[in-house]
């Protein structure tokens, strides 16, 4: 029963999408124009709201992972998956939320901090290189490209650094949302002659 409650809590924590709440407080819904995470909040509302939303979204990943470690050891990977799925498909906001990056970072901070450090360092290298070289030709947002490069390397390294199962579970949760967004944007599923 404890495992079920911890996993349910992880999903419900994820479903509290602070970017949507903030935009609703302003009489708006950011999802009509942008994603409700840190970068979308920065583009729509500025630096202050972006930082606040990012920290809050990271903290819900931290809390979900901590609860799993404390009350359901061995289930951290599932809690990480569910906090991300909750963020991407929040029950409180008609299953339309963010991309899951911040809750994943928060959960990894607890479950696999060395792997998280590697991911951050790789991201700081890959993203600027991609933007400066091939983004205009490929036409794909930097986040999905960066994820496609950084996640496989991080998973391989996590066998030594720790957190492999959690990283795979978290990556899977984000991948589901990324594929959905790519299909909606018309980047996938187009028939070509």
Protein backbone atom coordinates (compact mmCIF):
# COMPACT_ATOMS: atom_id res chain seq x y z
CA UNK A 1 0.00 0.00 0.00
CA UNK A 2 2.87 2.40 0.79
CA UNK A 3 4.38 1.95 -2.68
CA UNK A 4 1.01 2.73 -4.29
CA UNK A 5 0.62 5.91 -2.20
CA UNK A 6 4.16 7.07 -2.98
CA UNK A 7 3.66 6.50 -6.71
CA UNK A 8 0.25 8.16 -6.70
CA UNK A 9 1.80 11.11 -4.83
CA UNK A 10 4.54 11.34 -7.47
CA UNK A 11 1.98 11.59 -10.27
CA UNK A 12 -0.14 14.12 -8.37
CA UNK A 13 2.96 16.20 -7.53
CA UNK A 14 3.85 16.22 -11.22
CA UNK A 15 0.30 17.29 -12.07
CA UNK A 16 0.79 20.57 -10.20
CA UNK A 17 2.15 22.49 -13.20
CA UNK A 18 3.27 25.79 -11.73
CA UNK A 19 3.59 27.53 -15.11
CA UNK A 20 -0.08 26.88 -15.84
CA UNK A 21 -1.06 28.03 -12.36
CA UNK A 22 0.99 31.23 -12.75
CA UNK A 23 -0.49 31.99 -16.16
CA UNK A 24 -4.02 31.38 -14.83
CA UNK A 25 -3.30 33.80 -11.98
CA UNK A 26 -2.55 36.37 -14.68
CA UNK A 27 -5.86 35.63 -16.41
CA UNK A 28 -4.13 33.71 -19.19
CA UNK A 29 -3.21 30.18 -20.24
CA UNK A 30 0.39 29.98 -21.39
CA UNK A 31 -0.28 26.64 -23.13
CA UNK A 32 -2.06 28.48 -25.93
CA UNK A 33 1.25 30.08 -26.95
CA UNK A 34 4.08 28.18 -25.29
CA UNK A 35 5.12 25.43 -22.91
CA UNK A 36 4.53 26.05 -19.19
CA UNK A 37 8.13 25.31 -18.15
CA UNK A 38 11.02 27.65 -17.45
CA UNK A 39 11.90 28.56 -21.05
CA UNK A 40 8.27 29.14 -22.04
CA UNK A 41 7.72 31.24 -18.95
CA UNK A 42 10.83 33.27 -19.77
CA UNK A 43 9.61 33.94 -23.31
CA UNK A 44 6.12 34.88 -22.15
CA UNK A 45 6.59 36.53 -18.74
CA UNK A 46 10.26 37.27 -18.12
CA UNK A 47 13.14 36.11 -15.97
CA UNK A 48 11.54 36.27 -12.50
CA UNK A 49 8.59 34.00 -13.27
CA UNK A 50 10.84 31.68 -15.30
CA UNK A 51 13.26 31.17 -12.41
CA UNK A 52 10.47 30.73 -9.88
CA UNK A 53 8.61 28.20 -12.03
CA UNK A 54 11.81 26.29 -12.80
CA UNK A 55 12.73 26.01 -9.12
CA UNK A 56 9.23 24.88 -8.15
CA UNK A 57 9.15 22.27 -10.93
CA UNK A 58 12.59 20.98 -9.92
CA UNK A 59 11.47 20.78 -6.28
CA UNK A 60 8.49 18.58 -7.12
CA UNK A 61 10.91 16.12 -8.76
CA UNK A 62 13.10 16.30 -5.66
CA UNK A 63 10.11 15.63 -3.40
CA UNK A 64 8.82 12.70 -5.48
CA UNK A 65 12.26 11.04 -5.48
CA UNK A 66 12.78 11.72 -1.78
CA UNK A 67 9.42 10.20 -0.87
CA UNK A 68 10.27 7.10 -2.89
CA UNK A 69 13.71 6.76 -1.29
CA UNK A 70 12.25 7.23 2.17
CA UNK A 71 9.03 5.22 2.00
CA UNK A 72 9.36 2.92 -1.04
CA UNK A 73 13.05 2.12 -1.57
CA UNK A 74 13.73 0.56 -4.95
CA UNK A 75 10.81 2.37 -6.56
CA UNK A 76 12.62 5.67 -7.22
CA UNK A 77 12.62 4.96 -10.96
CA UNK A 78 8.80 4.62 -10.98
CA UNK A 79 8.35 7.77 -8.90
CA UNK A 80 10.61 9.64 -11.32
CA UNK A 81 8.65 8.36 -14.32
CA UNK A 82 5.33 9.30 -12.72
CA UNK A 83 6.32 12.80 -11.60
CA UNK A 84 7.43 13.47 -15.20
CA UNK A 85 4.27 11.92 -16.69
CA UNK A 86 2.20 13.97 -14.23
CA UNK A 87 4.00 17.13 -15.35
CA UNK A 88 3.47 16.28 -19.03
CA UNK A 89 -0.10 14.97 -18.62
CA UNK A 90 -1.47 16.67 -15.49
CA UNK A 91 -4.80 15.43 -14.21
CA UNK A 92 -5.54 18.94 -12.91
CA UNK A 93 -5.09 20.62 -16.32
CA UNK A 94 -6.85 18.33 -18.80
CA UNK A 95 -3.71 16.23 -19.35
CA UNK A 96 -1.92 19.08 -21.16
CA UNK A 97 1.25 20.16 -19.40
CA UNK A 98 4.95 20.71 -19.90
CA UNK A 99 7.89 18.76 -21.24
CA UNK A 100 9.18 17.21 -18.02
CA UNK A 101 12.73 18.54 -17.95
CA UNK A 102 12.64 20.30 -14.56
CA UNK A 103 10.99 17.46 -12.60
CA UNK A 104 13.48 15.04 -14.17
CA UNK A 105 16.38 17.24 -13.06
CA UNK A 106 14.97 17.40 -9.55
CA UNK A 107 14.47 13.64 -9.28
CA UNK A 108 17.96 12.96 -10.65
CA UNK A 109 19.40 15.36 -8.08
CA UNK A 110 18.23 12.91 -5.41
CA UNK A 111 18.55 9.56 -7.22
CA UNK A 112 21.68 10.02 -9.35
CA UNK A 113 23.52 13.33 -8.77
CA UNK A 114 26.70 12.25 -10.63
CA UNK A 115 24.71 11.27 -13.70
CA UNK A 116 22.84 14.57 -13.49
CA UNK A 117 26.13 16.48 -13.42
CA UNK A 118 27.28 14.65 -16.55
CA UNK A 119 23.98 15.43 -18.30
CA UNK A 120 24.22 19.11 -17.46
CA UNK A 121 27.81 19.35 -18.68
CA UNK A 122 26.98 17.53 -21.94
CA UNK A 123 23.93 19.75 -22.46
CA UNK A 124 26.03 22.89 -22.02
CA UNK A 125 28.25 21.63 -24.84
CA UNK A 126 25.70 20.08 -27.22
CA UNK A 127 23.00 22.77 -27.21
CA UNK A 128 25.17 25.75 -28.22
CA UNK A 129 26.97 23.65 -30.84
CA UNK A 130 23.68 22.50 -32.33
CA UNK A 131 22.24 26.02 -32.37
CA UNK A 132 25.38 27.42 -33.99
CA UNK A 133 25.76 24.73 -36.65
CA UNK A 134 22.83 22.67 -37.89
CA UNK A 135 19.63 23.86 -36.19
CA UNK A 136 18.61 26.07 -39.10
CA UNK A 137 19.00 23.21 -41.57
CA UNK A 138 17.35 20.58 -39.38
CA UNK A 139 14.60 22.88 -38.09
CA UNK A 140 14.17 20.95 -34.85
CA UNK A 141 13.97 22.63 -31.46
CA UNK A 142 17.22 22.36 -29.50
CA UNK A 143 15.72 20.43 -26.57
CA UNK A 144 14.65 17.27 -28.48
CA UNK A 145 17.94 17.25 -30.39
CA UNK A 146 19.96 17.71 -27.22
CA UNK A 147 17.96 14.95 -25.51
CA UNK A 148 18.58 12.57 -28.40
CA UNK A 149 22.34 13.12 -28.04
CA UNK A 150 22.74 13.54 -24.28
CA UNK A 151 20.39 10.82 -22.98
CA UNK A 152 22.05 7.81 -24.68
CA UNK A 153 25.50 8.95 -23.52
CA UNK A 154 24.19 9.56 -20.01
CA UNK A 155 22.47 6.18 -19.84
CA UNK A 156 25.71 4.45 -20.85
CA UNK A 157 27.67 6.43 -18.25
CA UNK A 158 25.02 5.81 -15.58
CA UNK A 159 26.08 2.15 -15.40
CA UNK A 160 29.18 3.50 -13.63
CA UNK A 161 27.79 6.69 -12.12
CA UNK A 162 24.47 5.27 -10.88
CA UNK A 163 20.77 5.79 -11.55
CA UNK A 164 20.45 3.82 -14.80
CA UNK A 165 16.89 2.61 -14.26
CA UNK A 166 15.71 6.02 -13.05
CA UNK A 167 17.35 7.76 -15.99
CA UNK A 168 15.78 5.37 -18.50
CA UNK A 169 12.37 5.73 -16.84
CA UNK A 170 12.65 9.52 -16.81
CA UNK A 171 13.90 9.62 -20.39
CA UNK A 172 11.00 7.43 -21.47
CA UNK A 173 8.52 9.78 -19.81
CA UNK A 174 10.02 12.77 -21.61
CA UNK A 175 10.25 10.87 -24.90
CA UNK A 176 6.52 10.14 -24.89
CA UNK A 177 5.78 13.87 -24.56
CA UNK A 178 8.44 14.88 -27.11
CA UNK A 179 7.06 12.52 -29.76
CA UNK A 180 3.53 13.79 -29.12
CA UNK A 181 4.67 17.42 -29.49
CA UNK A 182 6.63 16.64 -32.66
CA UNK A 183 3.55 14.99 -34.18
CA UNK A 184 1.38 17.96 -33.21
CA UNK A 185 3.92 20.38 -34.72
CA UNK A 186 3.93 18.35 -37.94
CA UNK A 187 7.58 17.36 -37.60
CA UNK A 188 6.69 13.65 -37.45
CA UNK A 189 4.05 11.74 -39.31
CA UNK A 190 4.25 13.83 -42.49
CA UNK A 191 4.10 11.84 -45.67
CA UNK A 192 6.87 12.74 -48.08
CA UNK A 193 6.94 11.99 -51.77
